């Protein structure tokens, strides 16, 4: 069951990336990101209210557990990590082809493994090292593909924003494992709906502050904001993908390493969107890079099984 949920989450995540690219086209980044957090918060607000005031959602997958500062301080930290990743990722995606952003994001499972190696003292086996090596090779080949489009991986700050977003996303994945793990296993044991619902709301308030302090005073001098219906679909696909992700992690025997790798399979969906709808260039070379990433993910899955 948790594997099916992970695959469904990956497909929805690919759609989320594609609609995000469309929403950011010739558009101001911070207002789009604010509206994403606002709509995501509105999706989960009814679950919070119904859980707190009625028994309608008791014993269902939509029940949001109550919690005090001891629980919410962890959720607040997650909101900071995720929002930092999103800010970098949104700016990077706006200025880069989706067929380059996707494969870079697909290296997150490698970062998760390296993080587990450094933070938790885990040791990688031969299959996992092979997966890491393939991911590094694919990144180097992707940089060559990018040069054909005038993108210098070493000096392009948009590339480094995407890399930073991927790194923070990997940190968020490791943190999720800590948040969801039972107390007896060394985790916090938080309710998954409490985490997903409230971190969206915290992000919304953070983005509102950024919007008022950073964007609004200079909005007439920068890229103007324009409404596009794809902004709503960004929130819908992300919220549904994350719901299935957290639900998957909450099930017995679910493995964060496998779930993380499957979710990065979303790159296939976003790659196809980039080719079919955004008519991006140099697809044959990028397809080879993508194949290496996917092969590396298969190696990681074998080594983590």
Protein backbone atom coordinates (compact mmCIF):
# COMPACT_ATOMS: atom_id res chain seq x y z
CA UNK A 1 0.00 0.00 0.00
CA UNK A 2 2.75 2.46 0.92
CA UNK A 3 4.49 1.77 -2.39
CA UNK A 4 1.30 2.52 -4.37
CA UNK A 5 0.87 5.78 -2.46
CA UNK A 6 4.49 6.70 -3.16
CA UNK A 7 4.05 6.14 -6.91
CA UNK A 8 0.81 8.17 -6.95
CA UNK A 9 2.60 10.94 -5.06
CA UNK A 10 5.39 10.91 -7.66
CA UNK A 11 2.96 11.29 -10.58
CA UNK A 12 1.15 14.17 -8.87
CA UNK A 13 4.46 15.80 -7.96
CA UNK A 14 5.46 15.78 -11.63
CA UNK A 15 2.20 17.57 -12.50
CA UNK A 16 2.89 20.05 -9.68
CA UNK A 17 6.31 20.92 -11.12
CA UNK A 18 4.81 21.38 -14.58
CA UNK A 19 2.02 23.70 -13.43
CA UNK A 20 4.54 25.59 -11.30
CA UNK A 21 6.65 26.23 -14.39
CA UNK A 22 3.58 27.56 -16.19
CA UNK A 23 2.53 29.74 -13.24
CA UNK A 24 5.99 31.33 -13.03
CA UNK A 25 6.25 32.14 -16.74
CA UNK A 26 6.83 35.92 -16.98
CA UNK A 27 5.41 36.28 -13.50
CA UNK A 28 6.55 37.62 -10.11
CA UNK A 29 7.84 34.74 -7.98
CA UNK A 30 6.94 35.80 -4.43
CA UNK A 31 3.21 36.46 -5.06
CA UNK A 32 2.90 33.08 -6.82
CA UNK A 33 4.58 31.34 -3.89
CA UNK A 34 2.41 33.22 -1.39
CA UNK A 35 -0.78 32.18 -3.21
CA UNK A 36 0.47 28.60 -3.30
CA UNK A 37 0.88 28.57 0.49
CA UNK A 38 -2.46 30.39 0.92
CA UNK A 39 -4.47 27.94 -1.20
CA UNK A 40 -2.70 24.97 0.41
CA UNK A 41 -3.61 26.35 3.85
CA UNK A 42 -7.24 26.80 2.81
CA UNK A 43 -7.34 23.17 1.65
CA UNK A 44 -6.31 21.91 5.10
CA UNK A 45 -8.06 24.49 7.30
CA UNK A 46 -11.42 22.64 7.28
CA UNK A 47 -9.68 19.48 8.50
CA UNK A 48 -8.13 21.41 11.40
CA UNK A 49 -11.46 23.00 12.38
CA UNK A 50 -13.51 19.80 12.06
CA UNK A 51 -10.93 17.81 14.03
CA UNK A 52 -10.86 20.38 16.83
CA UNK A 53 -14.63 21.02 17.11
CA UNK A 54 -16.36 17.78 16.08
CA UNK A 55 -15.84 14.01 16.03
CA UNK A 56 -16.53 13.78 12.28
CA UNK A 57 -12.94 12.98 11.32
CA UNK A 58 -12.04 10.82 14.31
CA UNK A 59 -10.37 7.56 13.25
CA UNK A 60 -10.05 8.74 9.64
CA UNK A 61 -6.94 9.53 7.58
CA UNK A 62 -7.94 13.22 7.62
CA UNK A 63 -7.91 13.66 11.40
CA UNK A 64 -5.60 16.45 12.59
CA UNK A 65 -4.30 15.79 16.10
CA UNK A 66 -4.12 18.68 18.54
CA UNK A 67 -0.78 19.78 19.88
CA UNK A 68 0.92 22.43 21.96
CA UNK A 69 4.21 24.25 21.56
CA UNK A 70 6.15 21.03 22.18
CA UNK A 71 4.75 19.65 18.90
CA UNK A 72 4.38 22.86 16.91
CA UNK A 73 7.98 23.96 17.38
CA UNK A 74 9.03 20.97 15.25
CA UNK A 75 6.42 21.83 12.61
CA UNK A 76 7.57 25.45 12.57
CA UNK A 77 11.14 24.35 11.86
CA UNK A 78 9.90 22.14 9.01
CA UNK A 79 8.02 25.13 7.57
CA UNK A 80 11.25 27.16 7.60
CA UNK A 81 13.21 24.41 5.86
CA UNK A 82 10.56 23.75 3.20
CA UNK A 83 9.88 27.43 2.52
CA UNK A 84 13.60 28.12 2.11
CA UNK A 85 13.75 25.27 -0.40
CA UNK A 86 10.69 26.58 -2.24
CA UNK A 87 11.98 30.16 -2.51
CA UNK A 88 15.23 28.94 -4.08
CA UNK A 89 13.43 26.38 -6.23
CA UNK A 90 10.79 28.81 -7.54
CA UNK A 91 13.36 31.41 -8.59
CA UNK A 92 15.54 28.76 -10.20
CA UNK A 93 12.67 27.10 -12.06
CA UNK A 94 11.44 30.40 -13.45
CA UNK A 95 14.76 30.97 -15.25
CA UNK A 96 15.73 27.41 -16.23
CA UNK A 97 14.29 24.74 -18.55
CA UNK A 98 12.10 22.16 -16.81
CA UNK A 99 14.14 19.40 -18.49
CA UNK A 100 17.21 20.60 -16.54
CA UNK A 101 15.49 21.37 -13.24
CA UNK A 102 13.83 17.94 -13.07
CA UNK A 103 16.99 15.79 -13.27
CA UNK A 104 18.76 18.01 -10.72
CA UNK A 105 15.84 17.61 -8.31
CA UNK A 106 15.96 13.87 -8.94
CA UNK A 107 19.34 13.73 -7.18
CA UNK A 108 17.65 14.38 -3.81
CA UNK A 109 17.63 10.69 -2.78
CA UNK A 110 21.42 10.71 -3.18
CA UNK A 111 21.60 13.74 -0.90
CA UNK A 112 19.33 11.95 1.59
CA UNK A 113 21.70 8.97 1.62
CA UNK A 114 24.75 11.19 2.04
CA UNK A 115 22.92 13.01 4.83
CA UNK A 116 22.14 9.70 6.53
CA UNK A 117 25.81 8.81 6.13
CA UNK A 118 26.99 12.04 7.76
CA UNK A 119 24.24 12.62 10.33
CA UNK A 120 23.13 9.14 11.35
CA UNK A 121 26.43 7.36 10.73
CA UNK A 122 24.88 4.93 8.23
CA UNK A 123 27.14 3.00 5.85
CA UNK A 124 26.46 2.68 2.13
CA UNK A 125 26.69 -0.67 0.40
CA UNK A 126 28.02 -1.32 -3.11
CA UNK A 127 24.68 -0.79 -4.84
CA UNK A 128 24.16 2.52 -3.06
CA UNK A 129 27.66 3.74 -3.91
CA UNK A 130 26.97 2.83 -7.55
CA UNK A 131 23.75 4.85 -7.41
CA UNK A 132 25.61 7.84 -5.97
CA UNK A 133 28.27 7.57 -8.68
CA UNK A 134 25.63 7.47 -11.44
CA UNK A 135 23.89 10.52 -9.97
CA UNK A 136 27.16 12.46 -9.94
CA UNK A 137 27.90 11.35 -13.52
CA UNK A 138 24.43 12.40 -14.67
CA UNK A 139 24.91 15.82 -13.08
CA UNK A 140 28.21 16.30 -14.92
CA UNK A 141 26.60 15.23 -18.21
CA UNK A 142 23.65 17.50 -17.55
CA UNK A 143 26.06 20.42 -17.17
CA UNK A 144 27.36 19.64 -20.66
CA UNK A 145 23.82 19.60 -22.01
CA UNK A 146 23.16 22.93 -20.31
CA UNK A 147 26.14 24.56 -22.00
CA UNK A 148 24.47 23.98 -25.37
CA UNK A 149 21.68 26.26 -24.13
CA UNK A 150 24.06 28.86 -22.72
CA UNK A 151 23.81 27.65 -19.12
CA UNK A 152 27.11 27.46 -17.23
CA UNK A 153 26.57 25.21 -14.19
CA UNK A 154 29.60 26.62 -12.39
CA UNK A 155 28.65 30.27 -12.66
CA UNK A 156 24.88 30.31 -13.21
CA UNK A 157 23.30 31.35 -9.90
CA UNK A 158 19.92 29.92 -10.96
CA UNK A 159 21.53 26.47 -11.13
CA UNK A 160 22.93 26.91 -7.64
CA UNK A 161 19.48 27.93 -6.42
CA UNK A 162 18.05 24.66 -7.75
CA UNK A 163 20.92 22.72 -6.15
CA UNK A 164 20.31 24.54 -2.87
CA UNK A 165 16.59 23.82 -3.11
CA UNK A 166 17.34 20.12 -3.70
CA UNK A 167 19.73 20.02 -0.72
CA UNK A 168 17.16 21.64 1.57
CA UNK A 169 14.55 19.25 0.22
CA UNK A 170 16.80 16.35 1.18
CA UNK A 171 17.20 17.82 4.68
CA UNK A 172 13.41 18.09 4.88
CA UNK A 173 13.12 14.41 3.92
CA UNK A 174 15.50 13.36 6.69
CA UNK A 175 13.61 15.60 9.11
CA UNK A 176 10.31 13.99 8.07
CA UNK A 177 11.74 10.62 9.04
CA UNK A 178 12.60 12.04 12.46
CA UNK A 179 9.16 13.67 12.90
CA UNK A 180 7.16 10.59 11.89
CA UNK A 181 9.23 7.95 13.70
CA UNK A 182 7.73 6.68 16.97
CA UNK A 183 9.21 8.00 20.21
CA UNK A 184 10.46 4.53 21.12
CA UNK A 185 12.45 4.53 17.86
CA UNK A 186 14.08 7.88 18.61
CA UNK A 187 11.63 10.07 16.70
CA UNK A 188 9.03 12.64 17.73
CA UNK A 189 5.98 10.57 16.76
CA UNK A 190 3.93 13.45 15.36
CA UNK A 191 0.57 12.99 13.67
CA UNK A 192 1.15 13.32 9.91
CA UNK A 193 -1.90 15.54 9.32
CA UNK A 194 -0.79 17.86 12.11
CA UNK A 195 2.54 18.27 10.32
CA UNK A 196 1.13 18.78 6.82
CA UNK A 197 -1.74 21.07 7.85
CA UNK A 198 0.15 23.37 10.15
CA UNK A 199 3.38 23.68 8.20
CA UNK A 200 1.34 25.03 5.29
CA UNK A 201 -0.30 27.59 7.54
CA UNK A 202 3.02 28.66 9.07
CA UNK A 203 4.48 29.03 5.57
CA UNK A 204 1.54 31.20 4.52
CA UNK A 205 2.21 33.71 7.31
CA UNK A 206 5.95 33.67 6.56
CA UNK A 207 5.28 34.33 2.87
CA UNK A 208 2.86 37.12 3.71
CA UNK A 209 5.60 38.85 5.71
CA UNK A 210 8.08 38.39 2.83
CA UNK A 211 5.52 39.70 0.36
CA UNK A 212 4.85 42.86 2.36
CA UNK A 213 8.47 43.53 3.32
CA UNK A 214 10.39 42.47 0.19
CA UNK A 215 8.09 42.47 -2.84
CA UNK A 216 5.39 45.08 -2.34
CA UNK A 217 7.67 48.12 -1.74
CA UNK A 218 9.40 47.48 -5.10
CA UNK A 219 6.69 45.66 -7.04
CA UNK A 220 6.37 48.47 -9.62
CA UNK A 221 10.06 48.17 -10.46
CA UNK A 222 10.19 44.38 -10.82
CA UNK A 223 8.37 41.72 -12.82
CA UNK A 224 4.63 42.36 -12.44
CA UNK A 225 2.29 39.78 -11.02
CA UNK A 226 -0.42 38.35 -13.25
CA UNK A 227 -3.11 35.91 -12.22
CA UNK A 228 -3.10 32.51 -13.92
CA UNK A 229 -5.36 29.54 -13.18
CA UNK A 230 -2.33 27.24 -13.05
CA UNK A 231 -1.56 28.77 -9.63
CA UNK A 232 -4.56 26.93 -8.13
CA UNK A 233 -3.47 23.66 -9.72
CA UNK A 234 0.00 24.10 -8.19
CA UNK A 235 -1.56 24.01 -4.71
CA UNK A 236 -3.99 21.20 -5.51
CA UNK A 237 -1.38 18.85 -6.97
CA UNK A 238 1.19 19.64 -4.27
CA UNK A 239 -1.25 19.18 -1.38
CA UNK A 240 -2.51 15.87 -2.77
CA UNK A 241 1.03 14.63 -3.52
CA UNK A 242 2.22 15.53 -0.01
CA UNK A 243 -0.86 13.96 1.58
CA UNK A 244 -0.06 10.64 -0.11
CA UNK A 245 3.62 11.03 0.81
CA UNK A 246 2.92 11.56 4.51
CA UNK A 247 0.25 8.84 4.50
CA UNK A 248 2.77 6.44 2.93
CA UNK A 249 5.39 7.24 5.59
CA UNK A 250 2.87 6.67 8.38
CA UNK A 251 2.17 3.06 7.31
CA UNK A 252 4.01 0.13 8.91
CA UNK A 253 7.20 -1.02 7.14
CA UNK A 254 7.37 2.13 4.97
CA UNK A 255 10.97 2.99 4.12
CA UNK A 256 11.83 6.69 3.75
CA UNK A 257 14.75 5.90 1.43
CA UNK A 258 12.51 3.99 -1.01
CA UNK A 259 9.65 6.49 -0.77
CA UNK A 260 12.04 9.38 -1.42
CA UNK A 261 13.46 7.65 -4.51
CA UNK A 262 10.03 6.81 -5.93
CA UNK A 263 8.87 10.40 -5.44
CA UNK A 264 11.80 11.64 -7.46
CA UNK A 265 10.40 9.55 -10.31
CA UNK A 266 8.20 12.63 -10.80
CA UNK A 267 11.02 13.85 -13.04
CA UNK A 268 9.66 11.59 -15.80
CA UNK A 269 6.31 13.40 -15.76
CA UNK A 270 7.86 16.88 -15.65
CA UNK A 271 10.34 15.93 -18.39
CA UNK A 272 7.48 14.85 -20.66
CA UNK A 273 5.63 18.10 -19.90
CA UNK A 274 8.76 20.09 -20.73
CA UNK A 275 9.11 18.30 -24.05
CA UNK A 276 5.44 18.29 -25.08
CA UNK A 277 4.12 21.62 -23.80
CA UNK A 278 7.11 23.90 -23.28
CA UNK A 279 8.95 22.69 -26.41
CA UNK A 280 12.33 22.70 -24.66
CA UNK A 281 15.53 22.01 -26.57
CA UNK A 282 18.31 19.40 -26.65
CA UNK A 283 15.96 16.67 -25.45
CA UNK A 284 17.95 13.68 -26.73
CA UNK A 285 21.04 14.50 -24.65
CA UNK A 286 18.90 15.35 -21.61
CA UNK A 287 17.05 12.05 -22.00
CA UNK A 288 20.37 10.21 -21.61
CA UNK A 289 21.09 12.26 -18.48
CA UNK A 290 17.63 11.42 -17.16
CA UNK A 291 18.15 7.71 -17.89
CA UNK A 292 21.34 7.77 -15.78
CA UNK A 293 19.47 9.43 -12.92
CA UNK A 294 16.72 6.80 -13.06
CA UNK A 295 19.28 3.99 -13.27
CA UNK A 296 21.02 5.43 -10.23
CA UNK A 297 17.67 5.48 -8.41
CA UNK A 298 17.14 1.80 -9.28
CA UNK A 299 20.57 0.98 -7.85
CA UNK A 300 19.74 2.91 -4.70
CA UNK A 301 16.43 1.04 -4.40
CA UNK A 302 18.19 -2.33 -4.76
CA UNK A 303 20.79 -1.34 -2.19
CA UNK A 304 18.18 -0.04 0.26
CA UNK A 305 15.80 -3.01 -0.02
